[in-house]
Amino acid sequence: MKTINPLQAGDTAPAFSLQNQNDETIVLAELLKEQQVLVYFYPKASTPGCTVQAENLRDEKAELAKLNTRVVGISPDPIKRLKNFETKKELNFDLLADEDHAIADAFGIWGYKKFMGKEYEGIHRISFLVGQDGKIKHVFDKFKTKDHHQVVLDYLAQN
């Protein structure tokens, strides 16, 4: 079992190109031409914690945009599951499919987890604020799913 080793502030964010819920290719470098990007990793679409986290980010999209920040969510879910999640919860940002978890690996957040007595490998719920220069500005790794959006907004308002 592999332990995680998340990238840190100052590291260059791994370049990625992934399919979103509409089967469109989303390229990090293209997004960064317009705004900084909050890349948030979550374990599984439509689960309770992931739903609360996504709904709060959805509801704060305008505020995040004012702070020059675009949101993309990444999980190991297939595109069809991401589309269902977007539709059911009326999400207003890209959900990206990282089915082989290559991008989660590149960010250093795929690894050993323990949940309800079971041990397995999976995505750790960590978010990265990537500046327009392609460098990681901040790592959000201490939050509850229901507070994630507020932790991000508080950081952005102060920086």
N, C-alpha and C. Protein backbone atom coordinates (compact mmCIF):
# COMPACT_ATOMS: atom_id res chain seq x y z
N MET A 1 0.84 -1.19 0.00
CA MET A 1 0.00 0.00 0.00
C MET A 1 0.88 1.24 0.00
N LYS A 2 0.49 2.18 -0.81
CA LYS A 2 1.32 3.36 -0.97
C LYS A 2 0.78 4.53 -0.14
N THR A 3 1.70 5.23 0.52
CA THR A 3 1.30 6.41 1.27
C THR A 3 1.31 7.61 0.33
N ILE A 4 0.53 8.61 0.68
CA ILE A 4 0.45 9.78 -0.19
C ILE A 4 1.60 10.74 0.10
N ASN A 5 1.95 11.51 -0.91
CA ASN A 5 2.98 12.54 -0.79
C ASN A 5 2.52 13.73 -1.64
N PRO A 6 1.55 14.51 -1.12
CA PRO A 6 0.96 15.57 -1.92
C PRO A 6 1.98 16.63 -2.34
N LEU A 7 1.76 17.18 -3.51
CA LEU A 7 2.56 18.32 -3.95
C LEU A 7 2.33 19.46 -2.96
N GLN A 8 3.29 20.37 -2.92
CA GLN A 8 3.23 21.48 -1.96
C GLN A 8 3.19 22.82 -2.69
N ALA A 9 2.86 23.87 -1.95
CA ALA A 9 2.89 25.22 -2.52
C ALA A 9 4.29 25.47 -3.08
N GLY A 10 4.33 26.06 -4.27
CA GLY A 10 5.60 26.32 -4.94
C GLY A 10 5.95 25.29 -5.99
N ASP A 11 5.39 24.08 -5.87
CA ASP A 11 5.63 23.04 -6.88
C ASP A 11 4.88 23.39 -8.16
N THR A 12 5.39 22.92 -9.27
CA THR A 12 4.67 23.10 -10.54
C THR A 12 3.56 22.06 -10.60
N ALA A 13 2.35 22.53 -10.93
CA ALA A 13 1.21 21.61 -11.04
C ALA A 13 1.41 20.72 -12.26
N PRO A 14 1.11 19.43 -12.14
CA PRO A 14 1.20 18.55 -13.31
C PRO A 14 0.24 19.01 -14.40
N ALA A 15 0.74 19.04 -15.62
CA ALA A 15 -0.13 19.38 -16.76
C ALA A 15 -1.13 18.24 -16.93
N PHE A 16 -2.36 18.58 -17.23
CA PHE A 16 -3.31 17.51 -17.51
C PHE A 16 -4.31 17.92 -18.57
N SER A 17 -4.84 16.90 -19.17
CA SER A 17 -5.88 17.02 -20.18
C SER A 17 -6.82 15.84 -19.92
N LEU A 18 -8.02 16.13 -19.44
CA LEU A 18 -8.97 15.08 -19.08
C LEU A 18 -10.33 15.37 -19.69
N GLN A 19 -11.14 14.33 -19.80
CA GLN A 19 -12.51 14.48 -20.31
C GLN A 19 -13.43 14.92 -19.17
N ASN A 20 -14.32 15.86 -19.48
CA ASN A 20 -15.29 16.27 -18.46
C ASN A 20 -16.59 15.48 -18.61
N GLN A 21 -17.59 15.88 -17.83
CA GLN A 21 -18.88 15.16 -17.82
C GLN A 21 -19.59 15.21 -19.17
N ASN A 22 -19.20 16.15 -20.04
CA ASN A 22 -19.80 16.25 -21.37
C ASN A 22 -18.90 15.65 -22.45
N ASP A 23 -17.90 14.90 -22.01
CA ASP A 23 -16.92 14.26 -22.90
C ASP A 23 -16.14 15.28 -23.72
N GLU A 24 -15.91 16.47 -23.14
CA GLU A 24 -15.07 17.50 -23.75
C GLU A 24 -13.70 17.45 -23.08
N THR A 25 -12.66 17.73 -23.84
CA THR A 25 -11.31 17.72 -23.28
C THR A 25 -11.04 19.04 -22.57
N ILE A 26 -10.67 18.94 -21.31
CA ILE A 26 -10.33 20.12 -20.50
C ILE A 26 -8.82 20.07 -20.24
N VAL A 27 -8.15 21.17 -20.61
CA VAL A 27 -6.68 21.24 -20.50
C VAL A 27 -6.34 22.30 -19.46
N LEU A 28 -5.61 21.91 -18.43
CA LEU A 28 -5.27 22.85 -17.36
C LEU A 28 -4.59 24.10 -17.92
N ALA A 29 -3.63 23.94 -18.80
CA ALA A 29 -2.89 25.09 -19.35
C ALA A 29 -3.83 26.10 -20.02
N GLU A 30 -4.89 25.62 -20.66
CA GLU A 30 -5.85 26.52 -21.30
C GLU A 30 -6.67 27.29 -20.26
N LEU A 31 -7.08 26.60 -19.20
CA LEU A 31 -7.85 27.26 -18.14
C LEU A 31 -7.03 28.36 -17.47
N LEU A 32 -5.73 28.08 -17.28
CA LEU A 32 -4.86 29.03 -16.57
C LEU A 32 -4.61 30.31 -17.36
N LYS A 33 -4.91 30.29 -18.64
CA LYS A 33 -4.76 31.51 -19.44
C LYS A 33 -5.78 32.56 -19.00
N GLU A 34 -6.90 32.09 -18.40
CA GLU A 34 -7.98 32.99 -18.03
C GLU A 34 -8.04 33.29 -16.53
N GLN A 35 -7.81 32.28 -15.70
CA GLN A 35 -7.96 32.42 -14.25
C GLN A 35 -7.06 31.42 -13.54
N GLN A 36 -6.87 31.65 -12.22
CA GLN A 36 -6.27 30.58 -11.44
C GLN A 36 -7.32 29.49 -11.28
N VAL A 37 -6.88 28.27 -10.96
CA VAL A 37 -7.79 27.14 -10.93
C VAL A 37 -7.70 26.40 -9.59
N LEU A 38 -8.87 26.18 -8.99
CA LEU A 38 -8.95 25.33 -7.82
C LEU A 38 -9.20 23.92 -8.33
N VAL A 39 -8.19 23.06 -8.20
CA VAL A 39 -8.31 21.66 -8.61
C VAL A 39 -8.65 20.88 -7.34
N TYR A 40 -9.90 20.43 -7.25
CA TYR A 40 -10.27 19.70 -6.05
C TYR A 40 -10.53 18.24 -6.39
N PHE A 41 -9.89 17.38 -5.61
CA PHE A 41 -10.02 15.94 -5.79
C PHE A 41 -11.03 15.42 -4.78
N TYR A 42 -11.91 14.53 -5.25
CA TYR A 42 -12.91 13.94 -4.37
C TYR A 42 -13.04 12.46 -4.73
N PRO A 43 -13.41 11.63 -3.75
CA PRO A 43 -13.40 10.18 -3.97
C PRO A 43 -14.44 9.63 -4.94
N LYS A 44 -15.71 10.06 -4.82
CA LYS A 44 -16.74 9.41 -5.63
C LYS A 44 -17.97 10.30 -5.79
N ALA A 45 -18.38 10.52 -7.03
CA ALA A 45 -19.55 11.34 -7.32
C ALA A 45 -20.80 10.76 -6.67
N SER A 46 -21.68 11.66 -6.23
CA SER A 46 -23.00 11.33 -5.67
C SER A 46 -22.97 10.66 -4.31
N THR A 47 -21.82 10.64 -3.65
CA THR A 47 -21.78 10.15 -2.27
C THR A 47 -22.05 11.35 -1.36
N PRO A 48 -22.48 11.12 -0.11
CA PRO A 48 -22.92 12.24 0.73
C PRO A 48 -21.88 13.37 0.89
N GLY A 49 -20.67 13.05 1.29
CA GLY A 49 -19.65 14.09 1.50
C GLY A 49 -19.29 14.81 0.22
N CYS A 50 -19.16 14.07 -0.85
CA CYS A 50 -18.79 14.66 -2.14
C CYS A 50 -19.91 15.55 -2.67
N THR A 51 -21.14 15.18 -2.38
CA THR A 51 -22.29 15.97 -2.82
C THR A 51 -22.33 17.31 -2.09
N VAL A 52 -22.17 17.29 -0.77
CA VAL A 52 -22.16 18.54 0.01
C VAL A 52 -21.04 19.46 -0.47
N GLN A 53 -19.87 18.89 -0.67
CA GLN A 53 -18.73 19.68 -1.13
C GLN A 53 -19.02 20.32 -2.49
N ALA A 54 -19.54 19.54 -3.42
CA ALA A 54 -19.82 20.04 -4.77
C ALA A 54 -20.94 21.08 -4.77
N GLU A 55 -22.00 20.85 -3.99
CA GLU A 55 -23.11 21.80 -3.95
C GLU A 55 -22.65 23.15 -3.41
N ASN A 56 -21.80 23.14 -2.40
CA ASN A 56 -21.31 24.40 -1.83
C ASN A 56 -20.43 25.15 -2.83
N LEU A 57 -19.60 24.43 -3.57
CA LEU A 57 -18.78 25.08 -4.60
C LEU A 57 -19.68 25.63 -5.71
N ARG A 58 -20.70 24.88 -6.05
CA ARG A 58 -21.68 25.34 -7.05
C ARG A 58 -22.30 26.67 -6.60
N ASP A 59 -22.72 26.71 -5.36
CA ASP A 59 -23.40 27.89 -4.84
C ASP A 59 -22.48 29.10 -4.72
N GLU A 60 -21.19 28.88 -4.64
CA GLU A 60 -20.22 29.98 -4.50
C GLU A 60 -19.49 30.30 -5.81
N LYS A 61 -19.99 29.76 -6.93
CA LYS A 61 -19.27 29.97 -8.20
C LYS A 61 -19.06 31.45 -8.51
N ALA A 62 -20.08 32.28 -8.34
CA ALA A 62 -19.95 33.71 -8.66
C ALA A 62 -18.92 34.37 -7.77
N GLU A 63 -18.93 34.03 -6.49
CA GLU A 63 -17.97 34.61 -5.55
C GLU A 63 -16.54 34.17 -5.91
N LEU A 64 -16.38 32.92 -6.25
CA LEU A 64 -15.06 32.41 -6.66
C LEU A 64 -14.59 33.11 -7.93
N ALA A 65 -15.51 33.34 -8.86
CA ALA A 65 -15.16 34.02 -10.11
C ALA A 65 -14.68 35.45 -9.84
N LYS A 66 -15.33 36.11 -8.88
CA LYS A 66 -14.90 37.46 -8.50
C LYS A 66 -13.47 37.45 -7.97
N LEU A 67 -13.08 36.33 -7.40
CA LEU A 67 -11.73 36.17 -6.83
C LEU A 67 -10.80 35.50 -7.85
N ASN A 68 -11.15 35.60 -9.13
CA ASN A 68 -10.32 35.11 -10.24
C ASN A 68 -10.03 33.61 -10.14
N THR A 69 -11.03 32.84 -9.71
CA THR A 69 -10.81 31.41 -9.50
C THR A 69 -11.88 30.58 -10.18
N ARG A 70 -11.43 29.60 -10.94
CA ARG A 70 -12.32 28.63 -11.59
C ARG A 70 -12.15 27.29 -10.87
N VAL A 71 -13.22 26.53 -10.77
CA VAL A 71 -13.20 25.23 -10.08
C VAL A 71 -13.26 24.09 -11.08
N VAL A 72 -12.42 23.07 -10.86
CA VAL A 72 -12.58 21.79 -11.54
C VAL A 72 -12.48 20.69 -10.49
N GLY A 73 -13.40 19.75 -10.57
CA GLY A 73 -13.39 18.60 -9.67
C GLY A 73 -12.84 17.39 -10.40
N ILE A 74 -12.02 16.61 -9.73
CA ILE A 74 -11.44 15.40 -10.34
C ILE A 74 -11.71 14.20 -9.44
N SER A 75 -12.20 13.13 -10.06
CA SER A 75 -12.42 11.88 -9.34
C SER A 75 -12.14 10.72 -10.30
N PRO A 76 -12.03 9.51 -9.76
CA PRO A 76 -11.80 8.35 -10.63
C PRO A 76 -13.08 7.81 -11.27
N ASP A 77 -14.16 8.58 -11.22
CA ASP A 77 -15.43 8.14 -11.79
C ASP A 77 -15.42 8.16 -13.32
N PRO A 78 -16.20 7.28 -13.94
CA PRO A 78 -16.37 7.35 -15.41
C PRO A 78 -17.23 8.56 -15.79
N ILE A 79 -17.12 8.99 -17.03
CA ILE A 79 -17.83 10.17 -17.53
C ILE A 79 -19.34 10.08 -17.27
N LYS A 80 -19.93 8.92 -17.52
CA LYS A 80 -21.39 8.77 -17.35
C LYS A 80 -21.81 9.08 -15.91
N ARG A 81 -21.03 8.61 -14.94
CA ARG A 81 -21.36 8.88 -13.54
C ARG A 81 -21.23 10.38 -13.23
N LEU A 82 -20.21 11.01 -13.81
CA LEU A 82 -20.02 12.45 -13.61
C LEU A 82 -21.19 13.24 -14.20
N LYS A 83 -21.67 12.82 -15.37
CA LYS A 83 -22.80 13.49 -16.01
C LYS A 83 -24.05 13.37 -15.13
N ASN A 84 -24.28 12.19 -14.59
CA ASN A 84 -25.44 11.99 -13.70
C ASN A 84 -25.35 12.90 -12.47
N PHE A 85 -24.15 13.00 -11.90
CA PHE A 85 -23.90 13.83 -10.72
C PHE A 85 -24.18 15.30 -11.06
N GLU A 86 -23.65 15.75 -12.19
CA GLU A 86 -23.86 17.14 -12.61
C GLU A 86 -25.34 17.44 -12.80
N THR A 87 -26.03 16.56 -13.48
CA THR A 87 -27.45 16.76 -13.79
C THR A 87 -28.29 16.74 -12.52
N LYS A 88 -28.07 15.74 -11.69
CA LYS A 88 -28.86 15.57 -10.47
C LYS A 88 -28.68 16.75 -9.51
N LYS A 89 -27.46 17.27 -9.41
CA LYS A 89 -27.16 18.33 -8.45
C LYS A 89 -27.01 19.70 -9.10
N GLU A 90 -27.32 19.79 -10.40
CA GLU A 90 -27.26 21.06 -11.13
C GLU A 90 -25.91 21.76 -10.92
N LEU A 91 -24.84 21.00 -11.08
CA LEU A 91 -23.50 21.55 -10.88
C LEU A 91 -23.13 22.44 -12.07
N ASN A 92 -22.31 23.44 -11.80
CA ASN A 92 -22.00 24.45 -12.82
C ASN A 92 -20.49 24.59 -13.07
N PHE A 93 -19.79 23.49 -12.92
CA PHE A 93 -18.35 23.49 -13.19
C PHE A 93 -17.95 22.12 -13.73
N ASP A 94 -16.73 22.08 -14.27
CA ASP A 94 -16.26 20.83 -14.89
C ASP A 94 -15.94 19.77 -13.84
N LEU A 95 -16.43 18.56 -14.11
CA LEU A 95 -16.08 17.36 -13.35
C LEU A 95 -15.24 16.52 -14.30
N LEU A 96 -14.03 16.19 -13.89
CA LEU A 96 -13.11 15.50 -14.78
C LEU A 96 -12.91 14.05 -14.37
N ALA A 97 -12.88 13.18 -15.38
CA ALA A 97 -12.73 11.74 -15.16
C ALA A 97 -11.25 11.36 -15.19
N ASP A 98 -10.76 10.86 -14.06
CA ASP A 98 -9.38 10.39 -13.91
C ASP A 98 -9.44 8.91 -13.55
N GLU A 99 -10.03 8.13 -14.48
CA GLU A 99 -10.33 6.73 -14.17
C GLU A 99 -9.11 5.89 -13.84
N ASP A 100 -7.97 6.20 -14.45
CA ASP A 100 -6.75 5.42 -14.15
C ASP A 100 -5.95 6.07 -13.02
N HIS A 101 -6.51 7.09 -12.43
CA HIS A 101 -5.94 7.89 -11.33
C HIS A 101 -4.52 8.40 -11.60
N ALA A 102 -4.18 8.59 -12.86
CA ALA A 102 -2.83 9.08 -13.22
C ALA A 102 -2.62 10.51 -12.73
N ILE A 103 -3.65 11.35 -12.80
CA ILE A 103 -3.50 12.73 -12.36
C ILE A 103 -3.46 12.80 -10.83
N ALA A 104 -4.30 12.02 -10.18
CA ALA A 104 -4.24 11.95 -8.71
C ALA A 104 -2.84 11.49 -8.27
N ASP A 105 -2.28 10.52 -8.98
CA ASP A 105 -0.91 10.06 -8.70
C ASP A 105 0.08 11.21 -8.89
N ALA A 106 -0.07 11.95 -9.98
CA ALA A 106 0.86 13.04 -10.29
C ALA A 106 0.81 14.13 -9.22
N PHE A 107 -0.38 14.36 -8.64
CA PHE A 107 -0.51 15.34 -7.56
C PHE A 107 -0.11 14.73 -6.20
N GLY A 108 0.16 13.43 -6.18
CA GLY A 108 0.63 12.77 -4.96
C GLY A 108 -0.45 12.44 -3.96
N ILE A 109 -1.69 12.29 -4.43
CA ILE A 109 -2.78 12.09 -3.48
C ILE A 109 -3.56 10.79 -3.69
N TRP A 110 -2.99 9.86 -4.45
CA TRP A 110 -3.60 8.53 -4.58
C TRP A 110 -2.80 7.61 -3.67
N GLY A 111 -3.48 6.95 -2.75
CA GLY A 111 -2.74 6.05 -1.88
C GLY A 111 -3.62 5.40 -0.84
N TYR A 112 -2.95 4.89 0.16
CA TYR A 112 -3.55 4.11 1.22
C TYR A 112 -4.61 4.90 1.98
N LYS A 113 -5.76 4.26 2.20
CA LYS A 113 -6.85 4.85 2.97
C LYS A 113 -7.46 3.78 3.86
N LYS A 114 -8.10 4.24 4.91
CA LYS A 114 -8.82 3.36 5.80
C LYS A 114 -10.19 3.96 6.03
N PHE A 115 -11.22 3.15 5.84
CA PHE A 115 -12.58 3.65 6.04
C PHE A 115 -13.44 2.52 6.58
N MET A 116 -14.08 2.76 7.71
CA MET A 116 -14.95 1.77 8.35
C MET A 116 -14.28 0.40 8.45
N GLY A 117 -13.02 0.42 8.88
CA GLY A 117 -12.29 -0.82 9.10
C GLY A 117 -11.71 -1.46 7.84
N LYS A 118 -12.02 -0.91 6.68
CA LYS A 118 -11.47 -1.47 5.44
C LYS A 118 -10.26 -0.65 5.00
N GLU A 119 -9.29 -1.34 4.44
CA GLU A 119 -8.10 -0.67 3.92
C GLU A 119 -8.09 -0.82 2.40
N TYR A 120 -7.79 0.27 1.72
CA TYR A 120 -7.79 0.24 0.26
C TYR A 120 -7.00 1.43 -0.27
N GLU A 121 -6.81 1.48 -1.59
CA GLU A 121 -6.17 2.63 -2.19
C GLU A 121 -7.24 3.50 -2.84
N GLY A 122 -7.05 4.82 -2.74
CA GLY A 122 -8.02 5.73 -3.33
C GLY A 122 -7.52 7.16 -3.31
N ILE A 123 -8.37 8.05 -3.75
CA ILE A 123 -8.06 9.48 -3.78
C ILE A 123 -8.26 10.07 -2.40
N HIS A 124 -7.33 10.90 -2.00
CA HIS A 124 -7.49 11.65 -0.76
C HIS A 124 -8.11 12.99 -1.11
N ARG A 125 -9.01 13.45 -0.26
CA ARG A 125 -9.78 14.67 -0.51
C ARG A 125 -8.90 15.89 -0.21
N ILE A 126 -8.17 16.33 -1.22
CA ILE A 126 -7.25 17.46 -1.09
C ILE A 126 -7.48 18.36 -2.30
N SER A 127 -7.38 19.68 -2.09
CA SER A 127 -7.54 20.64 -3.18
C SER A 127 -6.27 21.46 -3.34
N PHE A 128 -6.02 21.85 -4.59
CA PHE A 128 -4.82 22.62 -4.93
C PHE A 128 -5.25 23.89 -5.66
N LEU A 129 -4.77 25.03 -5.19
CA LEU A 129 -4.99 26.28 -5.91
C LEU A 129 -3.78 26.48 -6.82
N VAL A 130 -4.04 26.45 -8.13
CA VAL A 130 -2.98 26.57 -9.12
C VAL A 130 -3.03 27.98 -9.70
N GLY A 131 -1.91 28.70 -9.54
CA GLY A 131 -1.82 30.07 -10.06
C GLY A 131 -1.68 30.07 -11.56
N GLN A 132 -1.87 31.23 -12.16
CA GLN A 132 -1.81 31.33 -13.62
C GLN A 132 -0.42 31.04 -14.16
N ASP A 133 0.58 31.06 -13.29
CA ASP A 133 1.95 30.69 -13.69
C ASP A 133 2.17 29.19 -13.68
N GLY A 134 1.11 28.41 -13.32
CA GLY A 134 1.22 26.95 -13.30
C GLY A 134 1.78 26.39 -12.02
N LYS A 135 2.08 27.25 -11.06
CA LYS A 135 2.62 26.80 -9.77
C LYS A 135 1.48 26.67 -8.76
N ILE A 136 1.64 25.74 -7.84
CA ILE A 136 0.66 25.56 -6.78
C ILE A 136 0.84 26.69 -5.77
N LYS A 137 -0.24 27.45 -5.56
CA LYS A 137 -0.19 28.58 -4.63
C LYS A 137 -0.54 28.14 -3.22
N HIS A 138 -1.46 27.18 -3.12
CA HIS A 138 -1.90 26.75 -1.79
C HIS A 138 -2.47 25.33 -1.88
N VAL A 139 -2.28 24.58 -0.81
CA VAL A 139 -2.84 23.23 -0.70
C VAL A 139 -3.87 23.25 0.43
N PHE A 140 -5.08 22.85 0.11
CA PHE A 140 -6.16 22.77 1.11
C PHE A 140 -6.30 21.30 1.51
N ASP A 141 -5.82 20.99 2.70
CA ASP A 141 -5.90 19.58 3.14
C ASP A 141 -6.48 19.44 4.55
N LYS A 142 -6.88 20.57 5.14
CA LYS A 142 -7.49 20.51 6.47
C LYS A 142 -8.85 21.21 6.41
N PHE A 143 -9.88 20.42 6.18
CA PHE A 143 -11.24 20.96 6.10
C PHE A 143 -12.22 19.81 6.22
N LYS A 144 -13.45 20.15 6.54
CA LYS A 144 -14.55 19.20 6.49
C LYS A 144 -15.28 19.46 5.16
N THR A 145 -15.92 18.45 4.62
CA THR A 145 -16.56 18.62 3.30
C THR A 145 -17.54 19.79 3.30
N LYS A 146 -18.28 19.97 4.41
CA LYS A 146 -19.27 21.04 4.44
C LYS A 146 -18.63 22.43 4.56
N ASP A 147 -17.35 22.51 4.96
CA ASP A 147 -16.66 23.80 5.14
C ASP A 147 -15.66 24.10 4.04
N HIS A 148 -15.43 23.16 3.15
CA HIS A 148 -14.37 23.30 2.12
C HIS A 148 -14.46 24.63 1.39
N HIS A 149 -15.66 24.95 0.88
CA HIS A 149 -15.85 26.19 0.12
C HIS A 149 -15.46 27.43 0.93
N GLN A 150 -15.81 27.42 2.24
CA GLN A 150 -15.52 28.58 3.08
C GLN A 150 -14.03 28.71 3.36
N VAL A 151 -13.35 27.59 3.56
CA VAL A 151 -11.90 27.60 3.76
C VAL A 151 -11.22 28.20 2.53
N VAL A 152 -11.69 27.79 1.35
CA VAL A 152 -11.13 28.31 0.09
C VAL A 152 -11.41 29.80 -0.04
N LEU A 153 -12.67 30.21 0.17
CA LEU A 153 -13.03 31.63 0.04
C LEU A 153 -12.26 32.49 1.04
N ASP A 154 -12.10 32.02 2.26
CA ASP A 154 -11.35 32.79 3.27
C ASP A 154 -9.90 32.96 2.82
N TYR A 155 -9.31 31.91 2.30
CA TYR A 155 -7.92 32.00 1.82
C TYR A 155 -7.83 33.00 0.67
N LEU A 156 -8.72 32.89 -0.30
CA LEU A 156 -8.68 33.77 -1.48
C LEU A 156 -8.89 35.22 -1.10
N ALA A 157 -9.77 35.48 -0.14
CA ALA A 157 -10.06 36.85 0.27
C ALA A 157 -8.84 37.50 0.93
N GLN A 158 -7.98 36.69 1.54
CA GLN A 158 -6.81 37.22 2.25
C GLN A 158 -5.56 37.23 1.40
N ASN A 159 -5.60 36.65 0.20
CA ASN A 159 -4.36 36.54 -0.60
C ASN A 159 -4.52 37.08 -2.00
